[in-house]
């Protein structure tokens, strides 16, 4: 039954998950990207969780090189 209900919408679910992940990256890396963030103290604790996906994220959103000066992933 799961495949019957989820199967036709699998692509939409993946697209929405990718959008949520992009928003999460912006929230976590916002202060480093120059966006004022009142919760930067709390989101700084999440940075190690996003380092592994940072390269794929900035390539996916259309930035060819690392947008952060202190992180050279490319």
Protein backbone atom coordinates (compact mmCIF):
# COMPACT_ATOMS: atom_id res chain seq x y z
CA UNK A 1 0.00 0.00 0.00
CA UNK A 2 2.91 2.34 0.71
CA UNK A 3 4.11 2.18 -2.91
CA UNK A 4 0.58 2.74 -4.15
CA UNK A 5 0.27 6.04 -2.28
CA UNK A 6 3.86 7.27 -2.29
CA UNK A 7 5.06 6.03 -5.69
CA UNK A 8 3.46 8.70 -7.91
CA UNK A 9 4.76 11.49 -5.68
CA UNK A 10 8.30 10.24 -5.08
CA UNK A 11 9.90 12.95 -7.26
CA UNK A 12 7.90 15.68 -5.54
CA UNK A 13 8.93 14.39 -2.10
CA UNK A 14 12.61 14.38 -3.12
CA UNK A 15 12.34 17.91 -4.49
CA UNK A 16 10.72 19.18 -1.29
CA UNK A 17 13.34 17.44 0.85
CA UNK A 18 16.08 19.10 -1.21
CA UNK A 19 14.40 22.50 -0.74
CA UNK A 20 14.20 21.97 3.02
CA UNK A 21 17.85 20.93 3.13
CA UNK A 22 18.83 24.08 1.20
CA UNK A 23 16.92 26.24 3.67
CA UNK A 24 18.58 24.44 6.59
CA UNK A 25 22.01 25.15 5.07
CA UNK A 26 21.16 28.84 4.71
CA UNK A 27 20.01 28.99 8.33
CA UNK A 28 23.11 27.24 9.65
CA UNK A 29 25.63 29.03 7.42
CA UNK A 30 23.81 32.37 7.34
CA UNK A 31 26.15 34.20 9.68
CA UNK A 32 29.20 32.97 7.76
CA UNK A 33 27.58 34.09 4.49
CA UNK A 34 26.98 37.61 5.85
CA UNK A 35 23.30 37.31 6.74
CA UNK A 36 22.61 38.69 10.23
CA UNK A 37 21.33 35.85 12.36
CA UNK A 38 20.07 36.42 15.91
CA UNK A 39 20.31 32.68 16.59
CA UNK A 40 23.87 32.29 15.27
CA UNK A 41 25.06 31.07 18.66
CA UNK A 42 22.69 28.09 18.46
CA UNK A 43 23.10 27.38 14.76
CA UNK A 44 26.91 27.32 15.11
CA UNK A 45 26.56 24.03 16.95
CA UNK A 46 25.03 22.51 13.79
CA UNK A 47 27.91 23.45 11.46
CA UNK A 48 29.76 20.13 11.83
CA UNK A 49 26.58 18.36 10.70
CA UNK A 50 26.51 20.24 7.38
CA UNK A 51 30.22 20.24 6.43
CA UNK A 52 29.91 16.93 4.55
CA UNK A 53 27.16 18.30 2.27
CA UNK A 54 28.55 21.81 1.85
CA UNK A 55 30.29 21.21 -1.49
CA UNK A 56 27.26 19.55 -3.10
CA UNK A 57 25.02 22.31 -1.75
CA UNK A 58 26.90 25.28 -3.16
CA UNK A 59 27.28 23.52 -6.53
CA UNK A 60 23.55 22.70 -6.61
CA UNK A 61 22.48 26.30 -5.95
CA UNK A 62 24.76 27.58 -8.71
CA UNK A 63 27.86 28.85 -6.91
CA UNK A 64 30.90 27.34 -8.67
CA UNK A 65 33.43 28.09 -5.88
CA UNK A 66 33.07 28.07 -2.13
CA UNK A 67 31.18 31.19 -0.99
CA UNK A 68 33.05 31.19 2.32
CA UNK A 69 36.56 32.61 2.51
CA UNK A 70 37.72 30.31 5.30
CA UNK A 71 36.39 27.09 3.71
CA UNK A 72 38.10 26.00 0.51
CA UNK A 73 36.32 22.85 -0.57
CA UNK A 74 36.92 23.22 -4.31
